[in-house]
N, C-alpha and C. Protein backbone atom coordinates (compact mmCIF):
# COMPACT_ATOMS: atom_id res chain seq x y z
N UNK A 1 6.11 -23.12 -35.30
CA UNK A 1 5.12 -22.59 -34.44
C UNK A 1 3.79 -23.43 -34.63
N UNK A 2 3.61 -23.90 -35.98
CA UNK A 2 2.35 -24.56 -36.12
C UNK A 2 2.28 -25.89 -35.59
N UNK A 3 3.30 -26.42 -35.36
CA UNK A 3 3.32 -27.86 -34.54
C UNK A 3 3.33 -27.69 -33.06
N UNK A 4 3.23 -26.58 -32.51
CA UNK A 4 3.27 -26.29 -31.12
C UNK A 4 1.82 -26.42 -30.61
N UNK A 5 1.71 -27.38 -29.43
CA UNK A 5 0.37 -27.76 -29.00
C UNK A 5 0.13 -26.83 -27.66
N UNK A 6 -1.15 -26.52 -27.59
CA UNK A 6 -1.46 -25.61 -26.58
C UNK A 6 -2.28 -26.19 -25.71
N UNK A 7 -2.35 -25.86 -24.18
CA UNK A 7 -3.40 -26.45 -23.18
C UNK A 7 -4.55 -25.82 -23.31
N UNK A 8 -5.50 -26.06 -22.44
CA UNK A 8 -6.80 -25.50 -22.28
C UNK A 8 -6.76 -24.00 -22.03
N UNK A 9 -5.89 -23.30 -21.54
CA UNK A 9 -5.86 -21.83 -21.48
C UNK A 9 -4.87 -21.12 -22.28
N UNK A 10 -4.37 -21.77 -23.16
CA UNK A 10 -3.73 -21.07 -24.47
C UNK A 10 -2.27 -21.04 -24.08
N UNK A 11 -1.68 -21.67 -23.11
CA UNK A 11 -0.17 -21.71 -22.71
C UNK A 11 0.46 -23.07 -23.50
N UNK A 12 1.44 -22.62 -23.99
CA UNK A 12 2.22 -23.78 -24.76
C UNK A 12 2.31 -25.11 -24.11
N UNK A 13 1.86 -26.16 -24.38
CA UNK A 13 2.02 -27.25 -23.55
C UNK A 13 3.65 -27.63 -23.65
N UNK A 14 4.02 -28.41 -22.58
CA UNK A 14 5.52 -28.65 -22.63
C UNK A 14 5.39 -30.22 -22.93
N UNK A 15 6.58 -30.62 -23.66
CA UNK A 15 6.77 -31.89 -23.98
C UNK A 15 6.79 -32.87 -22.82
N UNK A 16 6.43 -34.00 -22.89
CA UNK A 16 6.18 -34.84 -21.71
C UNK A 16 7.00 -36.01 -21.93
N UNK A 17 6.20 -37.02 -21.79
CA UNK A 17 6.86 -38.70 -21.74
C UNK A 17 7.86 -38.77 -22.98
N UNK A 18 8.99 -39.54 -22.75
CA UNK A 18 9.89 -40.30 -23.39
C UNK A 18 10.96 -39.19 -23.65
N UNK A 19 11.10 -38.23 -22.94
CA UNK A 19 12.14 -37.37 -23.03
C UNK A 19 12.81 -36.99 -21.45
N UNK A 20 14.01 -36.83 -21.45
CA UNK A 20 14.67 -36.75 -20.19
C UNK A 20 14.46 -35.14 -19.59
N UNK A 21 14.17 -35.14 -18.50
CA UNK A 21 14.14 -33.70 -18.00
C UNK A 21 13.02 -32.94 -18.39
N UNK A 22 13.00 -31.76 -17.81
CA UNK A 22 12.19 -30.64 -18.09
C UNK A 22 12.99 -29.72 -18.98
N UNK A 23 12.39 -29.31 -20.26
CA UNK A 23 13.18 -28.05 -20.91
C UNK A 23 12.97 -26.81 -20.08
N UNK A 24 14.18 -25.89 -20.20
CA UNK A 24 14.29 -24.92 -19.51
C UNK A 24 12.92 -23.88 -19.86
N UNK A 25 12.59 -23.17 -18.76
CA UNK A 25 11.39 -22.16 -18.98
C UNK A 25 12.02 -21.01 -19.90
N UNK A 26 11.13 -20.60 -20.89
CA UNK A 26 11.39 -19.40 -21.72
C UNK A 26 10.50 -18.48 -21.35
N UNK A 27 10.88 -17.33 -20.95
CA UNK A 27 9.81 -16.22 -20.56
C UNK A 27 9.40 -15.37 -21.95
N UNK A 28 8.15 -15.26 -22.26
CA UNK A 28 7.57 -14.60 -23.29
C UNK A 28 7.37 -13.09 -22.97
N UNK A 29 7.05 -12.46 -23.98
CA UNK A 29 6.76 -11.15 -23.88
C UNK A 29 5.39 -11.02 -23.28
N UNK A 30 4.47 -12.00 -23.71
CA UNK A 30 3.11 -12.08 -23.19
C UNK A 30 3.02 -12.35 -21.62
N UNK A 31 4.11 -13.20 -21.27
CA UNK A 31 4.02 -13.84 -20.00
C UNK A 31 4.50 -12.42 -18.83
N UNK A 32 5.53 -11.69 -19.44
CA UNK A 32 5.98 -10.47 -18.68
C UNK A 32 4.89 -9.49 -18.67
N UNK A 33 4.18 -9.31 -19.79
CA UNK A 33 2.99 -8.28 -19.55
C UNK A 33 1.95 -8.95 -18.69
N UNK A 34 1.64 -10.25 -18.57
CA UNK A 34 0.86 -10.95 -17.62
C UNK A 34 1.19 -10.61 -16.35
N UNK A 35 2.64 -10.73 -15.92
CA UNK A 35 3.02 -10.52 -14.71
C UNK A 35 2.99 -9.00 -14.10
N UNK A 36 3.27 -8.18 -14.92
CA UNK A 36 3.29 -6.82 -14.91
C UNK A 36 1.77 -6.53 -14.43
N UNK A 37 0.71 -6.95 -14.99
CA UNK A 37 -0.70 -6.67 -14.77
C UNK A 37 -0.99 -7.32 -13.50
N UNK A 38 -0.51 -8.44 -13.34
CA UNK A 38 -0.92 -8.80 -12.08
C UNK A 38 -0.31 -8.36 -11.03
N UNK A 39 0.74 -7.80 -10.98
CA UNK A 39 1.41 -6.95 -9.87
C UNK A 39 0.82 -5.94 -9.60
N UNK A 40 0.31 -5.34 -10.95
CA UNK A 40 -0.22 -4.10 -10.78
C UNK A 40 -1.88 -4.02 -9.73
N UNK A 41 -2.31 -5.31 -9.88
CA UNK A 41 -3.28 -5.56 -9.21
C UNK A 41 -3.37 -6.14 -7.92
N UNK A 42 -2.03 -6.08 -7.45
CA UNK A 42 -1.76 -6.38 -6.03
C UNK A 42 -1.57 -7.82 -5.75
N UNK A 43 -1.38 -8.61 -6.84
CA UNK A 43 -1.27 -10.16 -6.44
C UNK A 43 0.01 -10.45 -5.86
N UNK A 44 -0.02 -11.61 -4.96
CA UNK A 44 1.35 -12.20 -4.26
C UNK A 44 2.00 -12.80 -5.19
N UNK A 45 3.30 -13.12 -4.95
CA UNK A 45 4.06 -14.07 -5.85
C UNK A 45 3.39 -15.32 -6.02
N UNK A 46 2.90 -15.85 -4.91
CA UNK A 46 2.31 -17.17 -5.19
C UNK A 46 1.30 -17.38 -6.23
N UNK A 47 0.33 -16.42 -6.03
CA UNK A 47 -0.70 -16.30 -6.97
C UNK A 47 -0.36 -16.06 -8.29
N UNK A 48 0.57 -15.14 -8.61
CA UNK A 48 1.09 -14.80 -9.87
C UNK A 48 1.87 -15.90 -10.47
N UNK A 49 2.47 -17.06 -9.80
CA UNK A 49 3.24 -18.10 -10.20
C UNK A 49 2.07 -19.02 -10.57
N UNK A 50 1.18 -19.06 -9.89
CA UNK A 50 0.04 -19.82 -10.25
C UNK A 50 -0.87 -19.67 -11.45
N UNK A 51 -0.65 -18.19 -11.62
CA UNK A 51 -1.51 -17.89 -12.86
C UNK A 51 -0.74 -17.75 -14.10
N UNK A 52 0.58 -17.96 -14.28
CA UNK A 52 1.25 -18.33 -15.21
C UNK A 52 1.96 -19.63 -14.64
N UNK A 53 1.62 -20.64 -15.29
CA UNK A 53 2.03 -22.08 -14.55
C UNK A 53 3.35 -22.27 -14.51
N UNK A 54 4.08 -21.77 -13.38
CA UNK A 54 5.32 -21.96 -13.07
C UNK A 54 5.65 -21.97 -11.47
N UNK A 55 6.67 -22.28 -11.11
CA UNK A 55 6.85 -22.30 -9.44
C UNK A 55 7.35 -20.86 -9.19
N UNK A 56 7.31 -20.75 -7.86
CA UNK A 56 7.72 -19.50 -7.41
C UNK A 56 9.19 -19.21 -7.64
N UNK A 57 9.99 -20.08 -7.55
CA UNK A 57 11.44 -19.96 -7.63
C UNK A 57 11.83 -19.40 -9.27
N UNK A 58 10.87 -20.39 -10.11
CA UNK A 58 11.06 -19.76 -11.52
C UNK A 58 10.41 -18.27 -11.89
N UNK A 59 9.71 -17.89 -11.31
CA UNK A 59 9.12 -16.65 -11.24
C UNK A 59 9.96 -15.60 -10.88
N UNK A 60 10.55 -15.84 -9.53
CA UNK A 60 11.72 -15.00 -9.21
C UNK A 60 12.79 -14.90 -9.93
N UNK A 61 13.23 -15.99 -10.66
CA UNK A 61 14.52 -15.81 -11.26
C UNK A 61 14.18 -15.48 -12.84
N UNK A 62 13.19 -15.66 -13.39
CA UNK A 62 13.00 -14.98 -14.72
C UNK A 62 12.27 -13.63 -14.90
N UNK A 63 11.44 -13.46 -13.66
CA UNK A 63 10.85 -12.15 -13.63
C UNK A 63 11.37 -11.22 -12.35
N UNK A 64 12.39 -11.27 -12.40
CA UNK A 64 13.16 -10.55 -11.25
C UNK A 64 12.85 -8.82 -11.47
N UNK A 65 13.10 -8.45 -12.59
CA UNK A 65 13.11 -7.13 -12.86
C UNK A 65 11.59 -6.45 -12.66
N UNK A 66 10.61 -7.21 -13.10
CA UNK A 66 9.06 -7.13 -12.83
C UNK A 66 9.00 -7.14 -11.44
N UNK A 67 9.29 -7.91 -10.64
CA UNK A 67 9.18 -8.13 -9.01
C UNK A 67 9.79 -6.98 -8.40
N UNK A 68 10.91 -6.54 -8.95
CA UNK A 68 11.51 -5.41 -8.23
C UNK A 68 10.76 -4.07 -8.33
N UNK A 69 9.78 -3.83 -9.40
CA UNK A 69 9.29 -2.67 -9.66
C UNK A 69 7.66 -2.90 -9.10
N UNK A 70 7.29 -3.79 -8.36
CA UNK A 70 6.14 -4.08 -7.96
C UNK A 70 5.23 -2.87 -7.39
N UNK A 71 5.98 -1.82 -6.74
CA UNK A 71 5.28 -0.90 -6.44
C UNK A 71 4.90 0.20 -7.16
N UNK A 72 5.49 0.25 -8.26
CA UNK A 72 5.31 1.26 -9.46
C UNK A 72 4.27 0.72 -10.43
N UNK A 73 4.01 -0.70 -10.46
CA UNK A 73 3.22 -1.16 -11.42
C UNK A 73 1.73 -0.55 -11.48
N UNK A 74 1.20 -0.34 -10.39
CA UNK A 74 -0.10 0.21 -10.32
C UNK A 74 -0.19 1.67 -11.00
N UNK A 75 0.86 2.36 -10.57
CA UNK A 75 0.83 3.76 -11.02
C UNK A 75 1.07 3.63 -12.77
N UNK A 76 1.90 2.68 -13.19
CA UNK A 76 1.96 2.44 -14.66
C UNK A 76 0.85 2.05 -15.18
N UNK A 77 0.04 1.23 -14.57
CA UNK A 77 -1.19 0.74 -15.26
C UNK A 77 -2.14 1.80 -15.24
N UNK A 78 -2.25 2.74 -14.26
CA UNK A 78 -3.27 3.81 -14.42
C UNK A 78 -2.70 4.83 -15.29
N UNK A 79 -1.37 5.08 -15.48
CA UNK A 79 -0.86 5.98 -16.53
C UNK A 79 -1.32 5.26 -17.84
N UNK A 80 -1.15 4.24 -18.13
CA UNK A 80 -1.36 3.57 -19.53
C UNK A 80 -2.92 3.93 -19.66
N UNK A 81 -3.53 3.65 -18.68
CA UNK A 81 -5.22 3.73 -19.03
C UNK A 81 -5.56 5.20 -19.39
N UNK A 82 -4.89 6.00 -18.55
CA UNK A 82 -5.22 7.69 -19.04
C UNK A 82 -4.76 7.80 -20.38
N UNK A 83 -3.69 7.37 -20.79
CA UNK A 83 -2.93 7.45 -21.94
C UNK A 83 -4.04 7.13 -23.16
N UNK A 84 -4.50 5.86 -23.13
CA UNK A 84 -5.48 5.31 -24.12
C UNK A 84 -6.81 6.12 -23.97
N UNK A 85 -7.41 6.44 -22.79
CA UNK A 85 -8.40 7.22 -22.79
C UNK A 85 -8.26 8.69 -23.45
N UNK A 86 -6.94 9.17 -23.19
CA UNK A 86 -6.77 10.56 -23.78
C UNK A 86 -6.73 10.58 -25.47
N UNK A 87 -6.12 9.27 -25.84
CA UNK A 87 -6.03 9.17 -27.22
C UNK A 87 -7.44 9.12 -27.84
N UNK A 88 -8.39 8.37 -27.04
CA UNK A 88 -9.69 8.38 -27.68
C UNK A 88 -10.53 9.70 -27.69
N UNK A 89 -10.17 10.37 -26.61
CA UNK A 89 -10.75 11.71 -26.45
C UNK A 89 -10.46 12.68 -27.59
N UNK A 90 -9.04 12.69 -27.85
CA UNK A 90 -8.48 13.45 -28.81
C UNK A 90 -9.09 13.23 -30.18
N UNK A 91 -9.32 11.85 -30.24
CA UNK A 91 -9.95 11.43 -31.56
C UNK A 91 -11.74 11.87 -31.73
N UNK A 92 -12.01 12.34 -30.60
CA UNK A 92 -13.37 12.75 -30.63
C UNK A 92 -14.43 11.89 -30.04
N UNK A 93 -14.07 10.96 -29.36
CA UNK A 93 -14.97 10.02 -28.70
C UNK A 93 -15.46 10.55 -27.45
N UNK A 94 -16.73 10.89 -27.56
CA UNK A 94 -17.56 11.61 -26.26
C UNK A 94 -17.59 10.66 -25.13
N UNK A 95 -17.62 9.31 -25.27
CA UNK A 95 -17.74 8.37 -24.01
C UNK A 95 -16.11 8.62 -23.29
N UNK A 96 -15.31 8.57 -24.14
CA UNK A 96 -13.79 8.68 -23.59
C UNK A 96 -13.51 10.09 -22.88
N UNK A 97 -14.24 11.12 -23.42
CA UNK A 97 -14.07 12.59 -22.80
C UNK A 97 -15.01 12.19 -21.37
N UNK A 98 -16.12 11.66 -21.32
CA UNK A 98 -16.48 11.40 -20.06
C UNK A 98 -15.87 10.47 -19.04
N UNK A 99 -15.38 9.55 -19.61
CA UNK A 99 -14.40 8.54 -18.86
C UNK A 99 -13.25 9.52 -18.26
N UNK A 100 -12.80 9.90 -19.13
CA UNK A 100 -11.56 11.00 -18.74
C UNK A 100 -11.78 12.03 -17.60
N UNK A 101 -13.10 12.57 -17.71
CA UNK A 101 -13.20 13.56 -16.48
C UNK A 101 -13.46 12.74 -15.23
N UNK A 102 -13.83 11.49 -15.49
CA UNK A 102 -14.30 10.77 -14.28
C UNK A 102 -12.86 10.37 -13.58
N UNK A 103 -12.08 9.94 -14.47
CA UNK A 103 -10.76 9.44 -14.05
C UNK A 103 -9.94 10.49 -13.42
N UNK A 104 -9.90 11.72 -14.18
CA UNK A 104 -9.20 12.95 -13.48
C UNK A 104 -9.96 13.02 -11.90
N UNK A 105 -11.17 13.12 -11.82
CA UNK A 105 -11.81 13.37 -10.61
C UNK A 105 -11.33 12.31 -9.64
N UNK A 106 -11.35 11.00 -9.91
CA UNK A 106 -10.84 9.99 -8.98
C UNK A 106 -9.52 10.43 -8.53
N UNK A 107 -8.49 10.77 -9.68
CA UNK A 107 -7.19 10.83 -9.31
C UNK A 107 -7.22 11.99 -8.25
N UNK A 108 -7.67 13.04 -8.50
CA UNK A 108 -7.55 14.18 -7.73
C UNK A 108 -8.19 13.84 -6.22
N UNK A 109 -9.31 13.28 -6.32
CA UNK A 109 -9.86 12.67 -4.84
C UNK A 109 -8.70 11.81 -4.09
N UNK A 110 -7.74 11.01 -4.88
CA UNK A 110 -6.86 10.19 -4.26
C UNK A 110 -5.67 11.00 -3.91
N UNK A 111 -5.24 12.14 -4.71
CA UNK A 111 -4.34 12.75 -4.28
C UNK A 111 -4.50 13.81 -3.15
N UNK A 112 -5.93 14.13 -2.99
CA UNK A 112 -6.34 15.08 -1.75
C UNK A 112 -6.31 14.20 -0.55
N UNK A 113 -6.67 12.89 -0.66
CA UNK A 113 -6.45 11.96 0.54
C UNK A 113 -5.32 11.83 1.18
N UNK A 114 -4.27 11.63 0.06
CA UNK A 114 -3.05 11.35 0.40
C UNK A 114 -2.44 12.65 1.22
N UNK A 115 -2.83 13.64 0.80
CA UNK A 115 -2.32 15.08 1.44
C UNK A 115 -2.82 15.13 2.91
N UNK A 116 -4.13 14.73 3.12
CA UNK A 116 -4.64 14.70 4.23
C UNK A 116 -4.10 13.74 5.11
N UNK A 117 -3.53 12.65 4.74
CA UNK A 117 -2.83 11.60 5.46
C UNK A 117 -1.37 12.00 6.00
N UNK A 118 -0.83 12.74 5.41
CA UNK A 118 0.42 13.10 5.62
C UNK A 118 0.33 14.22 6.57
N UNK A 119 1.40 14.43 7.82
CA UNK A 119 1.46 15.20 8.74
C UNK A 119 1.78 16.63 8.23
N UNK A 120 1.49 17.89 8.80
CA UNK A 120 1.50 19.05 8.24
C UNK A 120 3.04 19.44 7.90
N UNK A 121 3.26 19.64 6.79
CA UNK A 121 4.64 20.20 6.20
C UNK A 121 5.99 20.02 6.99
N UNK A 122 6.17 18.97 7.66
CA UNK A 122 7.07 18.72 8.49
C UNK A 122 7.48 19.48 9.92
N UNK A 123 6.31 20.00 10.15
CA UNK A 123 6.42 20.62 11.45
C UNK A 123 6.33 19.81 12.60
N UNK A 124 7.29 19.79 13.72
CA UNK A 124 7.43 18.83 14.49
C UNK A 124 6.52 19.28 15.51
N UNK A 125 5.69 18.38 16.33
CA UNK A 125 4.79 18.75 17.30
C UNK A 125 5.63 19.26 18.59
N UNK A 126 5.17 20.37 19.39
CA UNK A 126 5.75 20.78 20.51
C UNK A 126 5.88 19.54 21.57
N UNK A 127 6.93 19.37 21.98
CA UNK A 127 6.99 18.07 22.89
C UNK A 127 6.61 18.55 24.31
N UNK A 128 5.72 17.97 24.81
CA UNK A 128 5.09 18.10 26.26
C UNK A 128 6.22 17.66 27.24
N UNK A 129 6.49 18.79 28.06
CA UNK A 129 7.44 18.54 29.16
C UNK A 129 6.95 17.36 30.00
N UNK A 130 7.27 16.24 30.42
CA UNK A 130 6.77 15.21 31.14
C UNK A 130 7.51 15.35 32.43
N UNK A 131 6.76 15.43 33.51
CA UNK A 131 7.52 15.41 34.81
C UNK A 131 7.85 14.18 35.35
N UNK A 132 8.96 14.11 36.23
CA UNK A 132 9.20 12.81 36.50
C UNK A 132 8.37 12.34 37.77
N UNK A 133 8.44 11.26 38.38
CA UNK A 133 7.74 10.96 39.37
C UNK A 133 7.88 11.61 40.81
N UNK A 134 9.06 12.32 41.06
CA UNK A 134 9.33 13.15 42.24
C UNK A 134 8.70 14.50 42.03
N UNK A 135 8.74 15.11 40.79
CA UNK A 135 8.03 16.43 40.59
C UNK A 135 6.58 16.21 40.81
N UNK A 136 5.99 15.11 40.05
CA UNK A 136 4.70 14.81 40.04
C UNK A 136 4.25 14.85 41.59
N UNK A 137 4.76 14.15 42.24
CA UNK A 137 4.56 13.82 43.81
C UNK A 137 4.56 15.06 44.39
N UNK A 138 5.39 16.06 44.41
CA UNK A 138 5.74 17.28 44.91
C UNK A 138 4.39 18.31 44.57
N UNK A 139 4.19 18.15 43.32
CA UNK A 139 2.80 19.04 42.95
C UNK A 139 1.44 18.36 43.54
N UNK A 140 1.37 17.08 43.48
CA UNK A 140 0.22 16.50 44.18
C UNK A 140 0.27 16.77 45.59
N UNK A 141 1.25 16.97 46.29
CA UNK A 141 1.37 17.32 47.79
C UNK A 141 0.86 18.57 47.87
N UNK A 142 1.47 19.63 47.13
CA UNK A 142 1.08 20.82 47.23
C UNK A 142 -0.69 21.25 46.86
N UNK A 143 -1.11 20.27 45.97
CA UNK A 143 -2.38 20.66 45.70
C UNK A 143 -3.50 19.91 46.46
N UNK A 144 -3.08 19.08 47.39
CA UNK A 144 -3.75 18.19 48.16
C UNK A 144 -4.56 19.00 49.00
N UNK A 145 -4.35 19.95 49.53
CA UNK A 145 -5.21 20.74 50.57
C UNK A 145 -5.63 22.03 49.95
N UNK A 146 -5.32 22.40 48.84
CA UNK A 146 -5.29 23.67 48.23
C UNK A 146 -7.03 24.06 47.99
N UNK A 147 -7.95 23.04 47.60
CA UNK A 147 -9.13 23.34 47.21
C UNK A 147 -10.30 23.10 48.37
N UNK A 148 -11.38 23.52 48.39
CA UNK A 148 -12.41 23.34 49.22
C UNK A 148 -13.04 22.18 49.09
N UNK A 149 -13.41 21.82 47.81
CA UNK A 149 -14.17 20.70 47.30
C UNK A 149 -13.23 19.57 47.10
N UNK A 150 -12.11 19.33 47.79
CA UNK A 150 -11.24 18.00 47.29
C UNK A 150 -11.70 17.05 48.48
N UNK A 151 -11.31 15.72 48.27
CA UNK A 151 -11.60 14.79 49.08
C UNK A 151 -11.28 14.79 50.40
N UNK A 152 -10.12 15.55 50.82
CA UNK A 152 -9.64 15.65 52.03
C UNK A 152 -10.45 16.23 53.07
N UNK A 153 -11.14 17.36 52.50
CA UNK A 153 -12.10 18.10 53.35
C UNK A 153 -11.22 19.00 54.40
N UNK A 154 -11.42 18.91 55.75
CA UNK A 154 -10.85 19.80 56.65
C UNK A 154 -9.55 19.09 57.32
N UNK A 155 -9.57 17.79 56.88
CA UNK A 155 -8.42 16.93 57.49
C UNK A 155 -7.11 17.36 57.33
N UNK A 156 -6.66 18.33 56.38
CA UNK A 156 -5.21 18.79 56.34
C UNK A 156 -5.48 20.31 56.94
N UNK A 157 -6.45 20.84 57.34
CA UNK A 157 -6.35 22.01 57.87
C UNK A 157 -6.19 21.97 59.53
N UNK A 158 -4.97 22.67 59.78
CA UNK A 158 -4.71 22.73 61.19
C UNK A 158 -5.79 23.72 62.02
N UNK A 159 -6.05 23.43 63.14
CA UNK A 159 -6.78 24.24 64.10
C UNK A 159 -5.79 25.32 64.36
N UNK A 160 -6.70 26.78 64.60
CA UNK A 160 -5.90 27.61 64.89
C UNK A 160 -5.31 27.61 66.44
N UNK A 161 -5.85 26.81 67.19
CA UNK A 161 -5.39 26.63 68.81
C UNK A 161 -4.68 25.12 68.76
N UNK A 162 -3.84 25.15 69.31
CA UNK A 162 -2.86 24.04 69.45
C UNK A 162 -2.79 23.75 71.06
N UNK A 163 -3.08 22.63 71.78
CA UNK A 163 -2.86 22.34 73.08
C UNK A 163 -1.49 22.52 73.43
């Protein structure tokens, strides 16, 4: 472990010249946690692969379980944050108590927003009966001369006396 060489970002440098091929990638727990965090932040696979210097194919191969749970990662991150703040609040940290109340308020607002976005309890809207073109034409014909203020005026009114 002491002989290991690290690059500028703290990642272990891979052996280079003089050896055949590239050694197989070994996923560490640190890399797994980093992938989980980046997925929680909504990063794409391409961006995550660039953050831990591997190809997208390697990311999909070694981190398949984490990638499958992409949708739950944000909730897990928030739950962990709540857990840490709650531990600090239980220890008597006043700042943690204030932060906990802010986090709870934000969570309640988010939950209320989700409720408002959903349609009312599965009630189906009453379907408006649409008329076919023949029924609509019949109704239009009946209503054409019915009013005094329509565009036809007296054109549709027959005179009482016919020649």
